[in-house]
Amino acid sequence: VKPIKSTGSFSYKQPDRIRWEYTGSVNM
């Protein structure tokens, strides 16, 4: 019923390296 909420940090470096770091209730 309720949406899943999460927070974190995003990093990108050219040309195609990416990182999503989820913290809080979602650790991923």
PDB file of all heavy atoms in Angstrom:
ATOM      1  N   VAL A   1       0.831  -1.201   0.000  1.00  0.00           N
ATOM      2  CA  VAL A   1       0.000   0.000   0.000  1.00  0.00           C
ATOM      3  C   VAL A   1       0.865   1.252   0.000  1.00  0.00           C
ATOM      4  O   VAL A   1       0.616   2.197  -0.747  1.00  0.00           O
ATOM      5  CB  VAL A   1      -0.940  -0.002   1.222  1.00  0.00           C
ATOM      6  CG1 VAL A   1      -1.727   1.307   1.281  1.00  0.00           C
ATOM      7  CG2 VAL A   1      -1.876  -1.196   1.180  1.00  0.00           C
ATOM      8  N   LYS A   2       1.902   1.265   0.848  1.00  0.00           N
ATOM      9  CA  LYS A   2       2.780   2.417   0.952  1.00  0.00           C
ATOM     10  C   LYS A   2       4.032   2.220   0.094  1.00  0.00           C
ATOM     11  O   LYS A   2       4.512   1.095  -0.052  1.00  0.00           O
ATOM     12  CB  LYS A   2       3.187   2.644   2.406  1.00  0.00           C
ATOM     13  CG  LYS A   2       2.028   3.021   3.310  1.00  0.00           C
ATOM     14  CD  LYS A   2       2.521   3.301   4.724  1.00  0.00           C
ATOM     15  CE  LYS A   2       1.372   3.726   5.637  1.00  0.00           C
ATOM     16  NZ  LYS A   2       1.856   4.006   7.017  1.00  0.00           N
ATOM     17  N   PRO A   3       4.571   3.304  -0.476  1.00  0.00           N
ATOM     18  CA  PRO A   3       5.802   3.181  -1.277  1.00  0.00           C
ATOM     19  C   PRO A   3       6.998   2.823  -0.407  1.00  0.00           C
ATOM     20  O   PRO A   3       7.033   3.125   0.789  1.00  0.00           O
ATOM     21  CB  PRO A   3       5.964   4.572  -1.899  1.00  0.00           C
ATOM     22  CG  PRO A   3       5.249   5.484  -0.955  1.00  0.00           C
ATOM     23  CD  PRO A   3       4.081   4.698  -0.429  1.00  0.00           C
ATOM     24  N   ILE A   4       7.983   2.181  -1.018  1.00  0.00           N
ATOM     25  CA  ILE A   4       9.237   1.865  -0.338  1.00  0.00           C
ATOM     26  C   ILE A   4      10.156   3.077  -0.487  1.00  0.00           C
ATOM     27  O   ILE A   4      10.505   3.475  -1.598  1.00  0.00           O
ATOM     28  CB  ILE A   4       9.899   0.622  -0.953  1.00  0.00           C
ATOM     29  CG1 ILE A   4       8.950  -0.582  -0.869  1.00  0.00           C
ATOM     30  CG2 ILE A   4      11.211   0.307  -0.253  1.00  0.00           C
ATOM     31  CD1 ILE A   4       9.439  -1.786  -1.642  1.00  0.00           C
ATOM     32  N   LYS A   5      10.553   3.662   0.646  1.00  0.00           N
ATOM     33  CA  LYS A   5      11.382   4.858   0.622  1.00  0.00           C
ATOM     34  C   LYS A   5      12.813   4.527   1.025  1.00  0.00           C
ATOM     35  O   LYS A   5      13.029   3.735   1.941  1.00  0.00           O
ATOM     36  CB  LYS A   5      10.812   5.928   1.552  1.00  0.00           C
ATOM     37  CG  LYS A   5       9.420   6.403   1.154  1.00  0.00           C
ATOM     38  CD  LYS A   5       8.924   7.488   2.096  1.00  0.00           C
ATOM     39  CE  LYS A   5       7.538   7.975   1.691  1.00  0.00           C
ATOM     40  NZ  LYS A   5       7.047   9.054   2.590  1.00  0.00           N
ATOM     41  N   SER A   6      13.756   5.122   0.340  1.00  0.00           N
ATOM     42  CA  SER A   6      15.162   4.901   0.661  1.00  0.00           C
ATOM     43  C   SER A   6      15.967   6.147   0.314  1.00  0.00           C
ATOM     44  O   SER A   6      15.516   7.008  -0.440  1.00  0.00           O
ATOM     45  CB  SER A   6      15.711   3.681  -0.096  1.00  0.00           C
ATOM     46  OG  SER A   6      15.492   3.801  -1.487  1.00  0.00           O
ATOM     47  N   THR A   7      17.155   6.230   0.880  1.00  0.00           N
ATOM     48  CA  THR A   7      18.053   7.349   0.619  1.00  0.00           C
ATOM     49  C   THR A   7      19.447   6.796   0.356  1.00  0.00           C
ATOM     50  O   THR A   7      19.722   5.617   0.573  1.00  0.00           O
ATOM     51  CB  THR A   7      18.111   8.311   1.819  1.00  0.00           C
ATOM     52  OG1 THR A   7      18.556   7.576   2.977  1.00  0.00           O
ATOM     53  CG2 THR A   7      16.753   8.915   2.107  1.00  0.00           C
ATOM     54  N   GLY A   8      20.326   7.654  -0.114  1.00  0.00           N
ATOM     55  CA  GLY A   8      21.687   7.191  -0.352  1.00  0.00           C
ATOM     56  C   GLY A   8      22.494   8.196  -1.139  1.00  0.00           C
ATOM     57  O   GLY A   8      22.154   9.379  -1.216  1.00  0.00           O
ATOM     58  N   SER A   9      23.579   7.714  -1.740  1.00  0.00           N
ATOM     59  CA  SER A   9      24.470   8.566  -2.518  1.00  0.00           C
ATOM     60  C   SER A   9      24.692   7.965  -3.908  1.00  0.00           C
ATOM     61  O   SER A   9      24.629   6.743  -4.088  1.00  0.00           O
ATOM     62  CB  SER A   9      25.821   8.739  -1.810  1.00  0.00           C
ATOM     63  OG  SER A   9      26.464   7.486  -1.648  1.00  0.00           O
ATOM     64  N   PHE A  10      24.953   8.853  -4.852  1.00  0.00           N
ATOM     65  CA  PHE A  10      25.157   8.467  -6.250  1.00  0.00           C
ATOM     66  C   PHE A  10      26.512   8.994  -6.702  1.00  0.00           C
ATOM     67  O   PHE A  10      26.876  10.135  -6.414  1.00  0.00           O
ATOM     68  CB  PHE A  10      24.054   9.055  -7.119  1.00  0.00           C
ATOM     69  CG  PHE A  10      24.274   8.907  -8.607  1.00  0.00           C
ATOM     70  CD1 PHE A  10      23.930   7.737  -9.266  1.00  0.00           C
ATOM     71  CD2 PHE A  10      24.825   9.951  -9.350  1.00  0.00           C
ATOM     72  CE1 PHE A  10      24.135   7.608 -10.633  1.00  0.00           C
ATOM     73  CE2 PHE A  10      25.029   9.826 -10.718  1.00  0.00           C
ATOM     74  CZ  PHE A  10      24.680   8.651 -11.359  1.00  0.00           C
ATOM     75  N   SER A  11      27.263   8.145  -7.420  1.00  0.00           N
ATOM     76  CA  SER A  11      28.560   8.562  -7.973  1.00  0.00           C
ATOM     77  C   SER A  11      28.665   8.107  -9.420  1.00  0.00           C
ATOM     78  O   SER A  11      28.231   7.001  -9.762  1.00  0.00           O
ATOM     79  CB  SER A  11      29.719   7.967  -7.163  1.00  0.00           C
ATOM     80  OG  SER A  11      29.671   8.357  -5.813  1.00  0.00           O
ATOM     81  N   TYR A  12      29.262   8.949 -10.246  1.00  0.00           N
ATOM     82  CA  TYR A  12      29.480   8.621 -11.656  1.00  0.00           C
ATOM     83  C   TYR A  12      30.853   9.133 -12.073  1.00  0.00           C
ATOM     84  O   TYR A  12      31.301  10.202 -11.629  1.00  0.00           O
ATOM     85  CB  TYR A  12      28.406   9.260 -12.533  1.00  0.00           C
ATOM     86  CG  TYR A  12      28.801   9.370 -13.997  1.00  0.00           C
ATOM     87  CD1 TYR A  12      28.792   8.253 -14.816  1.00  0.00           C
ATOM     88  CD2 TYR A  12      29.202  10.598 -14.537  1.00  0.00           C
ATOM     89  CE1 TYR A  12      29.168   8.353 -16.155  1.00  0.00           C
ATOM     90  CE2 TYR A  12      29.574  10.701 -15.864  1.00  0.00           C
ATOM     91  CZ  TYR A  12      29.561   9.576 -16.667  1.00  0.00           C
ATOM     92  OH  TYR A  12      29.941   9.674 -17.985  1.00  0.00           O
ATOM     93  N   LYS A  13      31.529   8.344 -12.913  1.00  0.00           N
ATOM     94  CA  LYS A  13      32.798   8.778 -13.484  1.00  0.00           C
ATOM     95  C   LYS A  13      32.833   8.369 -14.947  1.00  0.00           C
ATOM     96  O   LYS A  13      32.544   7.230 -15.299  1.00  0.00           O
ATOM     97  CB  LYS A  13      33.982   8.161 -12.721  1.00  0.00           C
ATOM     98  CG  LYS A  13      35.330   8.785 -13.102  1.00  0.00           C
ATOM     99  CD  LYS A  13      36.426   8.402 -12.121  1.00  0.00           C
ATOM    100  CE  LYS A  13      37.700   9.197 -12.361  1.00  0.00           C
ATOM    101  NZ  LYS A  13      38.750   8.885 -11.370  1.00  0.00           N
ATOM    102  N   GLN A  14      33.159   9.323 -15.798  1.00  0.00           N
ATOM    103  CA  GLN A  14      33.212   9.084 -17.234  1.00  0.00           C
ATOM    104  C   GLN A  14      34.181   7.941 -17.563  1.00  0.00           C
ATOM    105  O   GLN A  14      35.235   7.820 -16.921  1.00  0.00           O
ATOM    106  CB  GLN A  14      33.648  10.380 -17.936  1.00  0.00           C
ATOM    107  CG  GLN A  14      33.404  10.398 -19.427  1.00  0.00           C
ATOM    108  CD  GLN A  14      33.920  11.675 -20.051  1.00  0.00           C
ATOM    109  OE1 GLN A  14      35.120  11.916 -20.017  1.00  0.00           O
ATOM    110  NE2 GLN A  14      33.027  12.501 -20.571  1.00  0.00           N
ATOM    111  N   PRO A  15      33.874   7.031 -18.508  1.00  0.00           N
ATOM    112  CA  PRO A  15      32.719   7.123 -19.391  1.00  0.00           C
ATOM    113  C   PRO A  15      31.474   6.384 -18.904  1.00  0.00           C
ATOM    114  O   PRO A  15      30.369   6.712 -19.334  1.00  0.00           O
ATOM    115  CB  PRO A  15      33.234   6.471 -20.681  1.00  0.00           C
ATOM    116  CG  PRO A  15      34.187   5.427 -20.182  1.00  0.00           C
ATOM    117  CD  PRO A  15      34.852   6.015 -18.972  1.00  0.00           C
ATOM    118  N   ASP A  16      31.609   5.401 -18.004  1.00  0.00           N
ATOM    119  CA  ASP A  16      30.429   4.582 -17.705  1.00  0.00           C
ATOM    120  C   ASP A  16      30.457   3.920 -16.331  1.00  0.00           C
ATOM    121  O   ASP A  16      29.769   2.928 -16.112  1.00  0.00           O
ATOM    122  CB  ASP A  16      30.255   3.495 -18.775  1.00  0.00           C
ATOM    123  CG  ASP A  16      31.521   2.693 -19.012  1.00  0.00           C
ATOM    124  OD1 ASP A  16      32.445   2.796 -18.189  1.00  0.00           O
ATOM    125  OD2 ASP A  16      31.592   1.975 -20.031  1.00  0.00           O
ATOM    126  N   ARG A  17      31.234   4.456 -15.402  1.00  0.00           N
ATOM    127  CA  ARG A  17      31.282   3.854 -14.067  1.00  0.00           C
ATOM    128  C   ARG A  17      30.267   4.529 -13.148  1.00  0.00           C
ATOM    129  O   ARG A  17      30.201   5.760 -13.083  1.00  0.00           O
ATOM    130  CB  ARG A  17      32.700   3.945 -13.497  1.00  0.00           C
ATOM    131  CG  ARG A  17      33.634   2.908 -14.101  1.00  0.00           C
ATOM    132  CD  ARG A  17      35.058   3.099 -13.646  1.00  0.00           C
ATOM    133  NE  ARG A  17      35.656   4.272 -14.267  1.00  0.00           N
ATOM    134  CZ  ARG A  17      36.888   4.675 -14.032  1.00  0.00           C
ATOM    135  NH1 ARG A  17      37.654   4.020 -13.162  1.00  0.00           N
ATOM    136  NH2 ARG A  17      37.365   5.736 -14.639  1.00  0.00           N
ATOM    137  N   ILE A  18      29.492   3.702 -12.430  1.00  0.00           N
ATOM    138  CA  ILE A  18      28.355   4.199 -11.651  1.00  0.00           C
ATOM    139  C   ILE A  18      28.282   3.469 -10.321  1.00  0.00           C
ATOM    140  O   ILE A  18      28.562   2.272 -10.244  1.00  0.00           O
ATOM    141  CB  ILE A  18      27.034   3.985 -12.425  1.00  0.00           C
ATOM    142  CG1 ILE A  18      27.074   4.719 -13.763  1.00  0.00           C
ATOM    143  CG2 ILE A  18      25.830   4.453 -11.606  1.00  0.00           C
ATOM    144  CD1 ILE A  18      26.069   4.220 -14.753  1.00  0.00           C
ATOM    145  N   ARG A  19      27.888   4.189  -9.285  1.00  0.00           N
ATOM    146  CA  ARG A  19      27.664   3.564  -7.984  1.00  0.00           C
ATOM    147  C   ARG A  19      26.457   4.209  -7.308  1.00  0.00           C
ATOM    148  O   ARG A  19      26.373   5.429  -7.190  1.00  0.00           O
ATOM    149  CB  ARG A  19      28.885   3.710  -7.086  1.00  0.00           C
ATOM    150  CG  ARG A  19      28.729   3.037  -5.709  1.00  0.00           C
ATOM    151  CD  ARG A  19      29.882   3.372  -4.791  1.00  0.00           C
ATOM    152  NE  ARG A  19      29.790   2.673  -3.520  1.00  0.00           N
ATOM    153  CZ  ARG A  19      30.496   1.590  -3.200  1.00  0.00           C
ATOM    154  NH1 ARG A  19      31.370   1.095  -4.075  1.00  0.00           N
ATOM    155  NH2 ARG A  19      30.347   1.005  -2.027  1.00  0.00           N
ATOM    156  N   TRP A  20      25.523   3.349  -6.881  1.00  0.00           N
ATOM    157  CA  TRP A  20      24.393   3.755  -6.046  1.00  0.00           C
ATOM    158  C   TRP A  20      24.609   3.105  -4.683  1.00  0.00           C
ATOM    159  O   TRP A  20      24.712   1.877  -4.587  1.00  0.00           O
ATOM    160  CB  TRP A  20      23.063   3.275  -6.623  1.00  0.00           C
ATOM    161  CG  TRP A  20      22.694   3.864  -7.945  1.00  0.00           C
ATOM    162  CD1 TRP A  20      23.136   3.466  -9.174  1.00  0.00           C
ATOM    163  CD2 TRP A  20      21.790   4.943  -8.181  1.00  0.00           C
ATOM    164  NE1 TRP A  20      22.569   4.231 -10.161  1.00  0.00           N
ATOM    165  CE2 TRP A  20      21.738   5.150  -9.576  1.00  0.00           C
ATOM    166  CE3 TRP A  20      21.027   5.750  -7.339  1.00  0.00           C
ATOM    167  CZ2 TRP A  20      20.939   6.132 -10.148  1.00  0.00           C
ATOM    168  CZ3 TRP A  20      20.224   6.736  -7.911  1.00  0.00           C
ATOM    169  CH2 TRP A  20      20.187   6.924  -9.298  1.00  0.00           C
ATOM    170  N   GLU A  21      24.671   3.915  -3.644  1.00  0.00           N
ATOM    171  CA  GLU A  21      24.874   3.412  -2.285  1.00  0.00           C
ATOM    172  C   GLU A  21      23.592   3.701  -1.490  1.00  0.00           C
ATOM    173  O   GLU A  21      23.297   4.848  -1.151  1.00  0.00           O
ATOM    174  CB  GLU A  21      26.057   4.109  -1.626  1.00  0.00           C
ATOM    175  CG  GLU A  21      26.352   3.629  -0.224  1.00  0.00           C
ATOM    176  CD  GLU A  21      27.398   2.520  -0.184  1.00  0.00           C
ATOM    177  OE1 GLU A  21      28.155   2.393  -1.165  1.00  0.00           O
ATOM    178  OE2 GLU A  21      27.451   1.798   0.815  1.00  0.00           O
ATOM    179  N   TYR A  22      22.824   2.641  -1.227  1.00  0.00           N
ATOM    180  CA  TYR A  22      21.579   2.790  -0.470  1.00  0.00           C
ATOM    181  C   TYR A  22      21.865   2.608   1.020  1.00  0.00           C
ATOM    182  O   TYR A  22      22.563   1.673   1.417  1.00  0.00           O
ATOM    183  CB  TYR A  22      20.553   1.747  -0.915  1.00  0.00           C
ATOM    184  CG  TYR A  22      19.978   1.990  -2.288  1.00  0.00           C
ATOM    185  CD1 TYR A  22      20.682   1.621  -3.431  1.00  0.00           C
ATOM    186  CD2 TYR A  22      18.735   2.597  -2.444  1.00  0.00           C
ATOM    187  CE1 TYR A  22      20.158   1.833  -4.698  1.00  0.00           C
ATOM    188  CE2 TYR A  22      18.204   2.829  -3.703  1.00  0.00           C
ATOM    189  CZ  TYR A  22      18.922   2.443  -4.824  1.00  0.00           C
ATOM    190  OH  TYR A  22      18.404   2.660  -6.072  1.00  0.00           O
ATOM    191  N   THR A  23      21.288   3.513   1.836  1.00  0.00           N
ATOM    192  CA  THR A  23      21.493   3.442   3.280  1.00  0.00           C
ATOM    193  C   THR A  23      20.138   3.504   3.989  1.00  0.00           C
ATOM    194  O   THR A  23      19.094   3.681   3.357  1.00  0.00           O
ATOM    195  CB  THR A  23      22.385   4.592   3.763  1.00  0.00           C
ATOM    196  OG1 THR A  23      21.786   5.847   3.377  1.00  0.00           O
ATOM    197  CG2 THR A  23      23.769   4.498   3.147  1.00  0.00           C
ATOM    198  N   GLY A  24      20.161   3.383   5.299  1.00  0.00           N
ATOM    199  CA  GLY A  24      18.921   3.446   6.062  1.00  0.00           C
ATOM    200  C   GLY A  24      18.218   2.102   6.086  1.00  0.00           C
ATOM    201  O   GLY A  24      18.842   1.064   6.326  1.00  0.00           O
ATOM    202  N   SER A  25      16.895   2.099   5.815  1.00  0.00           N
ATOM    203  CA  SER A  25      16.117   0.863   5.871  1.00  0.00           C
ATOM    204  C   SER A  25      16.533  -0.117   4.780  1.00  0.00           C
ATOM    205  O   SER A  25      16.357  -1.323   4.909  1.00  0.00           O
ATOM    206  CB  SER A  25      14.624   1.178   5.736  1.00  0.00           C
ATOM    207  OG  SER A  25      14.363   1.856   4.513  1.00  0.00           O
ATOM    208  N   VAL A  26      17.081   0.406   3.678  1.00  0.00           N
ATOM    209  CA  VAL A  26      17.581  -0.436   2.589  1.00  0.00           C
ATOM    210  C   VAL A  26      19.101  -0.320   2.571  1.00  0.00           C
ATOM    211  O   VAL A  26      19.640   0.768   2.382  1.00  0.00           O
ATOM    212  CB  VAL A  26      17.001  -0.004   1.227  1.00  0.00           C
ATOM    213  CG1 VAL A  26      17.594  -0.850   0.109  1.00  0.00           C
ATOM    214  CG2 VAL A  26      15.485  -0.119   1.230  1.00  0.00           C
ATOM    215  N   ASN A  27      19.788  -1.413   2.776  1.00  0.00           N
ATOM    216  CA  ASN A  27      21.254  -1.416   2.771  1.00  0.00           C
ATOM    217  C   ASN A  27      21.728  -2.198   1.543  1.00  0.00           C
ATOM    218  O   ASN A  27      21.676  -3.430   1.522  1.00  0.00           O
ATOM    219  CB  ASN A  27      21.785  -2.046   4.059  1.00  0.00           C
ATOM    220  CG  ASN A  27      23.297  -1.876   4.196  1.00  0.00           C
ATOM    221  OD1 ASN A  27      23.914  -1.130   3.441  1.00  0.00           O
ATOM    222  ND2 ASN A  27      23.882  -2.570   5.143  1.00  0.00           N
ATOM    223  N   MET A  28      22.153  -1.480   0.503  1.00  0.00           N
ATOM    224  CA  MET A  28      22.474  -2.132  -0.765  1.00  0.00           C
ATOM    225  C   MET A  28      23.447  -1.262  -1.552  1.00  0.00           C
ATOM    226  O   MET A  28      23.424  -0.036  -1.459  1.00  0.00           O
ATOM    227  CB  MET A  28      21.187  -2.352  -1.562  1.00  0.00           C
ATOM    228  CG  MET A  28      21.349  -3.021  -2.911  1.00  0.00           C
ATOM    229  SD  MET A  28      19.730  -3.371  -3.691  1.00  0.00           S
ATOM    230  CE  MET A  28      19.153  -1.687  -4.007  1.00  0.00           C
TER     231      MET A  28
END
